[in-house]
Each structure stands twice: as structure tokens, then as C-alpha cells.
PDB file of N, CA and C in Angstrom:
ATOM      1  N   MET A   1      -3.974  19.691  -4.633  1.00  0.00           N
ATOM      2  CA  MET A   1      -3.750  18.070  -5.179  1.00  0.00           C
ATOM      3  C   MET A   1      -3.246  18.125  -3.554  1.00  0.00           C
ATOM      4  N   VAL A   2      -3.639  16.346  -2.869  1.00  0.00           N
ATOM      5  CA  VAL A   2      -2.656  15.847  -2.448  1.00  0.00           C
ATOM      6  C   VAL A   2      -2.016  14.371  -2.831  1.00  0.00           C
ATOM      7  N   GLU A   3      -0.815  14.451  -2.378  1.00  0.00           N
ATOM      8  CA  GLU A   3      -0.051  13.343  -2.979  1.00  0.00           C
ATOM      9  C   GLU A   3       0.546  12.392  -1.678  1.00  0.00           C
ATOM     10  N   MET A   4      -0.253  11.131  -1.523  1.00  0.00           N
ATOM     11  CA  MET A   4       0.693  10.115  -0.807  1.00  0.00           C
ATOM     12  C   MET A   4       1.108   9.239  -1.607  1.00  0.00           C
ATOM     13  N   LYS A   5       2.441   8.630  -1.050  1.00  0.00           N
ATOM     14  CA  LYS A   5       3.655   7.752  -1.150  1.00  0.00           C
ATOM     15  C   LYS A   5       3.097   6.819  -0.249  1.00  0.00           C
ATOM     16  N   ILE A   6       3.266   4.995  -1.439  1.00  0.00           N
ATOM     17  CA  ILE A   6       3.186   4.121  -0.318  1.00  0.00           C
ATOM     18  C   ILE A   6       4.307   3.406  -0.788  1.00  0.00           C
ATOM     19  N   ASP A   7       4.994   2.573   0.208  1.00  0.00           N
ATOM     20  CA  ASP A   7       6.098   2.433  -0.386  1.00  0.00           C
ATOM     21  C   ASP A   7       6.131   0.824  -0.206  1.00  0.00           C
ATOM     22  N   ALA A   8       6.042  -0.287  -1.137  1.00  0.00           N
ATOM     23  CA  ALA A   8       5.733  -1.213  -1.323  1.00  0.00           C
ATOM     24  C   ALA A   8       7.049  -2.187  -1.840  1.00  0.00           C
ATOM     25  N   SER A   9       7.902  -1.621  -1.228  1.00  0.00           N
ATOM     26  CA  SER A   9       9.207  -1.963  -1.744  1.00  0.00           C
ATOM     27  C   SER A   9       9.646  -3.786  -1.043  1.00  0.00           C
ATOM     28  N   GLU A  10       8.664  -4.144  -0.443  1.00  0.00           N
ATOM     29  CA  GLU A  10       8.892  -5.463   0.776  1.00  0.00           C
ATOM     30  C   GLU A  10       7.995  -6.337   0.043  1.00  0.00           C
ATOM     31  N   ILE A  11       7.076  -6.027  -0.780  1.00  0.00           N
ATOM     32  CA  ILE A  11       6.761  -7.082  -1.466  1.00  0.00           C
ATOM     33  C   ILE A  11       7.016  -7.378  -3.197  1.00  0.00           C
ATOM     34  N   LYS A  12       7.788  -6.535  -3.579  1.00  0.00           N
ATOM     35  CA  LYS A  12       8.154  -6.528  -4.886  1.00  0.00           C
ATOM     36  C   LYS A  12       8.473  -8.071  -4.985  1.00  0.00           C
ATOM     37  N   GLY A  13       9.039  -8.525  -4.568  1.00  0.00           N
ATOM     38  CA  GLY A  13       9.673  -9.892  -4.346  1.00  0.00           C
ATOM     39  C   GLY A  13       8.451 -10.569  -5.106  1.00  0.00           C
ATOM     40  N   LYS A  14       7.851 -10.428  -4.693  1.00  0.00           N
ATOM     41  CA  LYS A  14       5.978 -11.715  -4.832  1.00  0.00           C
ATOM     42  C   LYS A  14       5.823 -11.065  -6.333  1.00  0.00           C
ATOM     43  N   SER A  15       5.530 -12.144  -7.337  1.00  0.00           N
ATOM     44  CA  SER A  15       5.182 -12.132  -8.738  1.00  0.00           C
ATOM     45  C   SER A  15       4.479 -10.660  -9.257  1.00  0.00           C
ATOM     46  N   GLY A  16       4.862  -9.584  -9.498  1.00  0.00           N
ATOM     47  CA  GLY A  16       3.974  -8.308 -10.026  1.00  0.00           C
ATOM     48  C   GLY A  16       3.017  -8.115  -8.746  1.00  0.00           C
ATOM     49  N   MET A  17       3.497  -8.288  -7.815  1.00  0.00           N
ATOM     50  CA  MET A  17       2.226  -7.483  -6.693  1.00  0.00           C
ATOM     51  C   MET A  17       2.223  -6.009  -6.772  1.00  0.00           C
ATOM     52  N   VAL A  18       3.575  -5.065  -6.680  1.00  0.00           N
ATOM     53  CA  VAL A  18       3.179  -3.689  -6.993  1.00  0.00           C
ATOM     54  C   VAL A  18       2.200  -3.864  -7.854  1.00  0.00           C
ATOM     55  N   GLN A  19       2.470  -3.809  -9.189  1.00  0.00           N
ATOM     56  CA  GLN A  19       1.312  -3.417  -9.939  1.00  0.00           C
ATOM     57  C   GLN A  19       0.080  -3.586 -10.350  1.00  0.00           C
ATOM     58  N   LYS A  20       0.051  -5.102  -9.261  1.00  0.00           N
ATOM     59  CA  LYS A  20      -1.411  -5.484  -9.186  1.00  0.00           C
ATOM     60  C   LYS A  20      -2.165  -4.566  -7.524  1.00  0.00           C
ATOM     61  N   TYR A  21      -1.229  -3.988  -7.006  1.00  0.00           N
ATOM     62  CA  TYR A  21      -1.612  -3.310  -6.034  1.00  0.00           C
ATOM     63  C   TYR A  21      -1.928  -1.540  -6.404  1.00  0.00           C
ATOM     64  N   ALA A  22      -1.243  -1.286  -7.522  1.00  0.00           N
ATOM     65  CA  ALA A  22      -1.198   0.129  -8.209  1.00  0.00           C
ATOM     66  C   ALA A  22      -2.834  -0.077  -8.767  1.00  0.00           C
ATOM     67  N   ASP A  23      -3.019  -1.259  -9.533  1.00  0.00           N
ATOM     68  CA  ASP A  23      -4.222  -1.319 -10.117  1.00  0.00           C
ATOM     69  C   ASP A  23      -5.210  -1.601  -9.004  1.00  0.00           C
ATOM     70  N   PHE A  24      -5.139  -1.984  -8.344  1.00  0.00           N
ATOM     71  CA  PHE A  24      -6.656  -2.329  -6.876  1.00  0.00           C
ATOM     72  C   PHE A  24      -6.765  -1.165  -6.744  1.00  0.00           C
ATOM     73  N   ILE A  25      -5.571  -0.030  -6.088  1.00  0.00           N
ATOM     74  CA  ILE A  25      -5.944   1.362  -5.935  1.00  0.00           C
ATOM     75  C   ILE A  25      -6.222   2.081  -6.349  1.00  0.00           C
ATOM     76  N   LYS A  26      -6.247   2.103  -7.753  1.00  0.00           N
ATOM     77  CA  LYS A  26      -6.481   2.903  -9.263  1.00  0.00           C
ATOM     78  C   LYS A  26      -8.443   2.566  -9.305  1.00  0.00           C
ATOM     79  N   GLU A  27      -8.376   1.147  -9.463  1.00  0.00           N
ATOM     80  CA  GLU A  27     -10.127   0.869  -9.227  1.00  0.00           C
ATOM     81  C   GLU A  27     -10.500   1.443  -8.254  1.00  0.00           C
ATOM     82  N   LYS A  28     -10.165   0.945  -6.710  1.00  0.00           N
ATOM     83  CA  LYS A  28     -10.841   1.721  -6.182  1.00  0.00           C
ATOM     84  C   LYS A  28     -11.463   2.979  -5.670  1.00  0.00           C
ATOM     85  N   THR A  29     -10.358   3.644  -5.854  1.00  0.00           N
ATOM     86  CA  THR A  29     -10.559   5.657  -5.758  1.00  0.00           C
ATOM     87  C   THR A  29     -10.835   6.354  -7.223  1.00  0.00           C
ATOM     88  N   SER A  30     -10.598   7.343  -7.297  1.00  0.00           N
ATOM     89  CA  SER A  30     -10.700   8.205  -8.365  1.00  0.00           C
ATOM     90  C   SER A  30      -9.609   8.948  -8.688  1.00  0.00           C
ATOM     91  N   ALA A  31      -8.423   8.555  -7.890  1.00  0.00           N
ATOM     92  CA  ALA A  31      -7.034   9.355  -7.841  1.00  0.00           C
ATOM     93  C   ALA A  31      -6.488   8.631  -8.495  1.00  0.00           C
ATOM     94  N   ASP A  32      -5.521   9.525  -9.314  1.00  0.00           N
ATOM     95  CA  ASP A  32      -4.503   9.692 -10.409  1.00  0.00           C
ATOM     96  C   ASP A  32      -3.562   8.793  -9.484  1.00  0.00           C
ATOM     97  N   VAL A  33      -3.287   7.199 -10.433  1.00  0.00           N
ATOM     98  CA  VAL A  33      -1.965   6.215  -9.378  1.00  0.00           C
ATOM     99  C   VAL A  33      -0.720   6.256 -10.589  1.00  0.00           C
ATOM    100  N   SER A  34       0.420   5.994 -10.561  1.00  0.00           N
ATOM    101  CA  SER A  34       1.439   5.899 -10.699  1.00  0.00           C
ATOM    102  C   SER A  34       2.288   5.114  -9.968  1.00  0.00           C
ATOM    103  N   SER A  35       2.811   4.354 -10.370  1.00  0.00           N
ATOM    104  CA  SER A  35       3.992   3.275  -9.706  1.00  0.00           C
ATOM    105  C   SER A  35       4.854   3.209 -10.647  1.00  0.00           C
ATOM    106  N   ASP A  36       6.333   2.894  -9.746  1.00  0.00           N
ATOM    107  CA  ASP A  36       7.693   2.630 -10.307  1.00  0.00           C
ATOM    108  C   ASP A  36       8.182   1.361  -9.784  1.00  0.00           C
ATOM    109  N   ALA A  37       9.606   1.062  -9.375  1.00  0.00           N
ATOM    110  CA  ALA A  37       9.541  -0.614  -9.105  1.00  0.00           C
ATOM    111  C   ALA A  37       9.059  -0.590  -7.561  1.00  0.00           C
ATOM    112  N   ASN A  38       8.816   0.132  -6.647  1.00  0.00           N
ATOM    113  CA  ASN A  38       9.113   0.052  -4.882  1.00  0.00           C
ATOM    114  C   ASN A  38       7.835   1.033  -4.795  1.00  0.00           C
ATOM    115  N   THR A  39       7.767   2.095  -5.466  1.00  0.00           N
ATOM    116  CA  THR A  39       6.840   3.290  -5.004  1.00  0.00           C
ATOM    117  C   THR A  39       4.995   3.438  -5.455  1.00  0.00           C
ATOM    118  N   ILE A  40       4.118   3.627  -4.861  1.00  0.00           N
ATOM    119  CA  ILE A  40       3.430   3.969  -5.860  1.00  0.00           C
ATOM    120  C   ILE A  40       2.783   5.390  -5.259  1.00  0.00           C
ATOM    121  N   ILE A  41       2.258   6.493  -5.760  1.00  0.00           N
ATOM    122  CA  ILE A  41       1.767   7.699  -5.340  1.00  0.00           C
ATOM    123  C   ILE A  41       0.456   7.534  -6.112  1.00  0.00           C
ATOM    124  N   VAL A  42      -0.025   8.202  -5.160  1.00  0.00           N
ATOM    125  CA  VAL A  42      -1.719   8.433  -5.176  1.00  0.00           C
ATOM    126  C   VAL A  42      -1.789   9.997  -5.426  1.00  0.00           C
ATOM    127  N   LYS A  43      -2.608  10.310  -6.518  1.00  0.00           N
ATOM    128  CA  LYS A  43      -2.724  11.756  -6.166  1.00  0.00           C
ATOM    129  C   LYS A  43      -4.305  11.940  -6.577  1.00  0.00           C
ATOM    130  N   GLY A  44      -4.503  12.781  -5.877  1.00  0.00           N
ATOM    131  CA  GLY A  44      -6.459  12.930  -5.753  1.00  0.00           C
ATOM    132  C   GLY A  44      -6.578  14.264  -4.622  1.00  0.00           C
ATOM    133  N   GLU A  45      -7.914  14.298  -5.064  1.00  0.00           N
ATOM    134  CA  GLU A  45      -8.255  15.283  -4.032  1.00  0.00           C
ATOM    135  C   GLU A  45      -9.734  14.662  -3.423  1.00  0.00           C
ATOM    136  N   GLY A  46     -10.269  14.983  -1.892  1.00  0.00           N
ATOM    137  CA  GLY A  46     -10.922  14.536  -1.315  1.00  0.00           C
ATOM    138  C   GLY A  46     -10.799  13.189  -0.664  1.00  0.00           C
ATOM    139  N   PRO A  47     -11.948  12.652  -0.093  1.00  0.00           N
ATOM    140  CA  PRO A  47     -11.421  11.280   0.775  1.00  0.00           C
ATOM    141  C   PRO A  47     -10.824   9.826   0.335  1.00  0.00           C
ATOM    142  N   ALA A  48     -11.115  10.271  -1.253  1.00  0.00           N
ATOM    143  CA  ALA A  48     -10.289   9.272  -2.001  1.00  0.00           C
ATOM    144  C   ALA A  48      -8.529   9.337  -1.587  1.00  0.00           C
ATOM    145  N   VAL A  49      -7.939  10.358  -1.322  1.00  0.00           N
ATOM    146  CA  VAL A  49      -6.960   9.893  -1.005  1.00  0.00           C
ATOM    147  C   VAL A  49      -6.373  10.205   0.505  1.00  0.00           C
ATOM    148  N   ALA A  50      -7.341   9.771   1.439  1.00  0.00           N
ATOM    149  CA  ALA A  50      -7.298  10.034   2.262  1.00  0.00           C
ATOM    150  C   ALA A  50      -6.169   9.120   3.041  1.00  0.00           C
ATOM    151  N   LYS A  51      -5.373   9.650   4.286  1.00  0.00           N
ATOM    152  CA  LYS A  51      -4.473   8.523   4.690  1.00  0.00           C
ATOM    153  C   LYS A  51      -5.222   7.414   5.502  1.00  0.00           C
ATOM    154  N   LYS A  52      -6.150   7.294   5.946  1.00  0.00           N
ATOM    155  CA  LYS A  52      -6.818   6.032   6.736  1.00  0.00           C
ATOM    156  C   LYS A  52      -7.891   5.456   5.484  1.00  0.00           C
ATOM    157  N   TYR A  53      -8.254   5.912   4.811  1.00  0.00           N
ATOM    158  CA  TYR A  53      -8.903   5.063   3.259  1.00  0.00           C
ATOM    159  C   TYR A  53      -7.963   4.018   2.992  1.00  0.00           C
ATOM    160  N   LEU A  54      -6.641   5.176   2.422  1.00  0.00           N
ATOM    161  CA  LEU A  54      -5.650   4.016   1.602  1.00  0.00           C
ATOM    162  C   LEU A  54      -5.149   2.792   2.216  1.00  0.00           C
ATOM    163  N   ARG A  55      -4.677   3.234   3.973  1.00  0.00           N
ATOM    164  CA  ARG A  55      -4.214   2.080   4.705  1.00  0.00           C
ATOM    165  C   ARG A  55      -5.862   1.366   4.685  1.00  0.00           C
ATOM    166  N   ILE A  56      -6.812   1.313   4.858  1.00  0.00           N
ATOM    167  CA  ILE A  56      -8.232  -0.002   4.731  1.00  0.00           C
ATOM    168  C   ILE A  56      -7.663  -0.478   3.348  1.00  0.00           C
ATOM    169  N   LEU A  57      -7.830   0.149   2.564  1.00  0.00           N
ATOM    170  CA  LEU A  57      -7.637  -0.328   1.285  1.00  0.00           C
ATOM    171  C   LEU A  57      -6.514  -1.331   0.993  1.00  0.00           C
ATOM    172  N   THR A  58      -5.401  -0.834   1.559  1.00  0.00           N
ATOM    173  CA  THR A  58      -4.290  -1.394   1.575  1.00  0.00           C
ATOM    174  C   THR A  58      -4.202  -3.173   2.474  1.00  0.00           C
ATOM    175  N   LYS A  59      -5.119  -3.022   3.787  1.00  0.00           N
ATOM    176  CA  LYS A  59      -5.405  -4.360   4.266  1.00  0.00           C
ATOM    177  C   LYS A  59      -6.151  -5.091   3.195  1.00  0.00           C
ATOM    178  N   LYS A  60      -7.460  -4.654   2.569  1.00  0.00           N
ATOM    179  CA  LYS A  60      -8.221  -4.783   1.995  1.00  0.00           C
ATOM    180  C   LYS A  60      -7.114  -5.748   1.443  1.00  0.00           C
ATOM    181  N   PHE A  61      -6.396  -5.200  -0.004  1.00  0.00           N
ATOM    182  CA  PHE A  61      -5.617  -6.055  -0.736  1.00  0.00           C
ATOM    183  C   PHE A  61      -4.675  -6.647  -0.508  1.00  0.00           C
ATOM    184  N   LEU A  62      -4.140  -7.034   0.618  1.00  0.00           N
ATOM    185  CA  LEU A  62      -3.387  -7.911   1.337  1.00  0.00           C
ATOM    186  C   LEU A  62      -4.107  -9.140   2.107  1.00  0.00           C
ATOM    187  N   HIS A  63      -5.577  -8.887   2.273  1.00  0.00           N
ATOM    188  CA  HIS A  63      -6.418  -9.617   2.531  1.00  0.00           C
ATOM    189  C   HIS A  63      -6.701 -10.803   1.407  1.00  0.00           C
ATOM    190  N   LYS A  64      -7.160 -10.003   0.651  1.00  0.00           N
ATOM    191  CA  LYS A  64      -8.029 -10.766  -0.838  1.00  0.00           C
ATOM    192  C   LYS A  64      -6.470 -11.331  -1.575  1.00  0.00           C
ATOM    193  N   TYR A  65      -5.313 -11.131  -1.481  1.00  0.00           N
ATOM    194  CA  TYR A  65      -4.239 -11.897  -2.223  1.00  0.00           C
ATOM    195  C   TYR A  65      -3.759 -12.653  -1.211  1.00  0.00           C
ATOM    196  N   GLU A  66      -4.331 -12.885   0.131  1.00  0.00           N
ATOM    197  CA  GLU A  66      -3.848 -13.801   1.411  1.00  0.00           C
ATOM    198  C   GLU A  66      -2.129 -13.695   1.802  1.00  0.00           C
ATOM    199  N   LEU A  67      -2.240 -12.230   2.036  1.00  0.00           N
ATOM    200  CA  LEU A  67      -0.643 -11.917   2.380  1.00  0.00           C
ATOM    201  C   LEU A  67      -0.910 -11.239   3.698  1.00  0.00           C
ATOM    202  N   ILE A  68      -1.874 -10.770   4.512  1.00  0.00           N
ATOM    203  CA  ILE A  68      -2.606 -10.213   5.705  1.00  0.00           C
ATOM    204  C   ILE A  68      -1.510 -10.832   7.047  1.00  0.00           C
ATOM    205  N   ASP A  69      -1.684 -12.109   6.968  1.00  0.00           N
ATOM    206  CA  ASP A  69      -0.662 -12.761   8.113  1.00  0.00           C
ATOM    207  C   ASP A  69       1.043 -12.641   7.709  1.00  0.00           C
ATOM    208  N   THR A  70       1.468 -11.975   6.526  1.00  0.00           N
ATOM    209  CA  THR A  70       3.083 -11.783   6.559  1.00  0.00           C
ATOM    210  C   THR A  70       3.350 -10.472   6.448  1.00  0.00           C
ATOM    211  N   TYR A  71       2.770  -9.496   5.896  1.00  0.00           N
ATOM    212  CA  TYR A  71       2.552  -8.106   6.082  1.00  0.00           C
ATOM    213  C   TYR A  71       1.551  -7.289   6.695  1.00  0.00           C
ATOM    214  N   ARG A  72       1.943  -6.124   7.024  1.00  0.00           N
ATOM    215  CA  ARG A  72       1.403  -4.881   7.342  1.00  0.00           C
ATOM    216  C   ARG A  72       1.519  -3.691   7.485  1.00  0.00           C
ATOM    217  N   VAL A  73       0.752  -2.748   7.331  1.00  0.00           N
ATOM    218  CA  VAL A  73       0.514  -1.587   7.104  1.00  0.00           C
ATOM    219  C   VAL A  73       1.054  -0.808   8.316  1.00  0.00           C
ATOM    220  N   ILE A  74       2.104   0.358   7.587  1.00  0.00           N
ATOM    221  CA  ILE A  74       2.590   1.587   8.806  1.00  0.00           C
ATOM    222  C   ILE A  74       2.514   2.710   8.652  1.00  0.00           C
ATOM    223  N   ALA A  75       2.700   3.933   9.033  1.00  0.00           N
ATOM    224  CA  ALA A  75       2.439   5.074   8.855  1.00  0.00           C
ATOM    225  C   ALA A  75       4.110   5.173   8.622  1.00  0.00           C
ATOM    226  N   ASP A  76       4.393   5.632   7.367  1.00  0.00           N
ATOM    227  CA  ASP A  76       5.864   5.797   7.458  1.00  0.00           C
ATOM    228  C   ASP A  76       6.201   7.275   8.097  1.00  0.00           C
ATOM    229  N   GLU A  77       7.601   7.840   7.866  1.00  0.00           N
ATOM    230  CA  GLU A  77       8.136   8.986   8.164  1.00  0.00           C
ATOM    231  C   GLU A  77       7.406  10.184   7.424  1.00  0.00           C
ATOM    232  N   GLY A  78       7.164  10.952   7.825  1.00  0.00           N
ATOM    233  CA  GLY A  78       6.306  12.251   6.882  1.00  0.00           C
ATOM    234  C   GLY A  78       4.176  12.153   7.150  1.00  0.00           C
ATOM    235  N   GLU A  79       3.900  13.045   6.718  1.00  0.00           N
ATOM    236  CA  GLU A  79       2.669  13.260   7.091  1.00  0.00           C
ATOM    237  C   GLU A  79       1.752  12.371   5.830  1.00  0.00           C
ATOM    238  N   ASN A  80       2.280  12.310   4.821  1.00  0.00           N
ATOM    239  CA  ASN A  80       1.614  11.646   3.837  1.00  0.00           C
ATOM    240  C   ASN A  80       1.973  10.711   2.997  1.00  0.00           C
ATOM    241  N   ALA A  81       2.383   9.168   4.163  1.00  0.00           N
ATOM    242  CA  ALA A  81       3.254   8.539   3.529  1.00  0.00           C
ATOM    243  C   ALA A  81       2.772   7.321   4.254  1.00  0.00           C
ATOM    244  N   LEU A  82       2.926   6.147   3.297  1.00  0.00           N
ATOM    245  CA  LEU A  82       2.758   4.438   4.257  1.00  0.00           C
ATOM    246  C   LEU A  82       3.687   3.751   3.813  1.00  0.00           C
ATOM    247  N   GLN A  83       3.662   2.854   4.506  1.00  0.00           N
ATOM    248  CA  GLN A  83       4.679   1.240   4.490  1.00  0.00           C
ATOM    249  C   GLN A  83       4.236   0.415   4.556  1.00  0.00           C
ATOM    250  N   ILE A  84       4.262  -0.672   3.479  1.00  0.00           N
ATOM    251  CA  ILE A  84       4.233  -1.941   3.705  1.00  0.00           C
ATOM    252  C   ILE A  84       4.963  -3.076   4.267  1.00  0.00           C
ATOM    253  N   LYS A  85       5.661  -3.669   5.658  1.00  0.00           N
ATOM    254  CA  LYS A  85       6.788  -4.042   6.457  1.00  0.00           C
ATOM    255  C   LYS A  85       5.838  -5.349   6.217  1.00  0.00           C
ATOM    256  N   GLU A  86       7.164  -6.308   6.081  1.00  0.00           N
ATOM    257  CA  GLU A  86       6.761  -7.751   7.034  1.00  0.00           C
ATOM    258  C   GLU A  86       6.974  -7.743   8.017  1.00  0.00           C
ATOM    259  N   ARG A  87       5.481  -8.918   8.689  1.00  0.00           N
ATOM    260  CA  ARG A  87       5.815  -8.401  10.002  1.00  0.00           C
ATOM    261  C   ARG A  87       7.073  -9.748  10.635  1.00  0.00           C
ATOM    262  N   ARG A  88       7.398  -8.880  11.800  1.00  0.00           N
ATOM    263  CA  ARG A  88       8.604 -10.327  12.704  1.00  0.00           C
ATOM    264  C   ARG A  88       7.685 -11.199  13.123  1.00  0.00           C
ATOM    265  N   LEU A  89       8.007 -12.328  13.129  1.00  0.00           N
ATOM    266  CA  LEU A  89       7.344 -13.639  13.734  1.00  0.00           C
ATOM    267  C   LEU A  89       8.425 -13.942  14.747  1.00  0.00           C
ATOM    268  N   ASN A  90       7.531 -14.056  16.011  1.00  0.00           N
ATOM    269  CA  ASN A  90       8.384 -14.513  16.926  1.00  0.00           C
ATOM    270  C   ASN A  90       8.957 -16.084  16.586  1.00  0.00           C
ATOM    271  N   GLU A  91      10.061 -16.792  16.973  1.00  0.00           N
ATOM    272  CA  GLU A  91      10.082 -17.833  16.469  1.00  0.00           C
ATOM    273  C   GLU A  91      10.232 -18.542  18.086  1.00  0.00           C
ATOM    274  N   GLU A  92       9.496 -19.886  18.020  1.00  0.00           N
ATOM    275  CA  GLU A  92       9.368 -20.918  18.947  1.00  0.00           C
ATOM    276  C   GLU A  92      10.473 -21.728  19.489  1.00  0.00           C
ATOM    277  N   ASP A  93      11.124 -21.846  20.442  1.00  0.00           N
ATOM    278  CA  ASP A  93      12.092 -23.083  20.615  1.00  0.00           C
ATOM    279  C   ASP A  93      11.286 -24.266  20.686  1.00  0.00           C
TER     280      ASP A  93
END
């Protein structure tokens, strides 16, 4: 059984986004999804919990809620981890 951890601590300020994200992942995969305040843990077998597939699903979720311009998905430290980070936009003078 593979366990992927997704750190969604930066989007928790948005109203209920972490729970919506957990529900989205559960709907799209056949994996067991659990969440706490900042982290979503996806447990399962096969391609449903592959890092690449979860990254694509995360991008789709961000696009669905029009957050794709504000946040990005990066590989976190460790083999089985992803992180949603806020984009740093260059301010023009």
C-alpha cells in the first residue's frame, strides 16, 4: 500500500478548501483519503495514487476553483509528498 502526503497548509485560509480538495481526490480516485487541518493523506494501490496522477488532479482542482494563477504544485521533500505553494509574483515598479 502506497501512502502519499499532500501539504495543503497554504490554501487552508480559503473557506473549506482543504476539505473540498480531499473530497475531490476521493471522488476521482479509488483510494482511501483522510485529512486533518493542513495535510491530506492518500492511501491506495496502483496508478490512482501515483505522484504524477495526484499532481495532475491537484492542478485540475486549482483550475476548477480558479486558484491556478495563485497557487502551484511542487514535489515536497521525500519520495511520496506533494505541496501546494503560493506563487510569488514579481511586483512591477
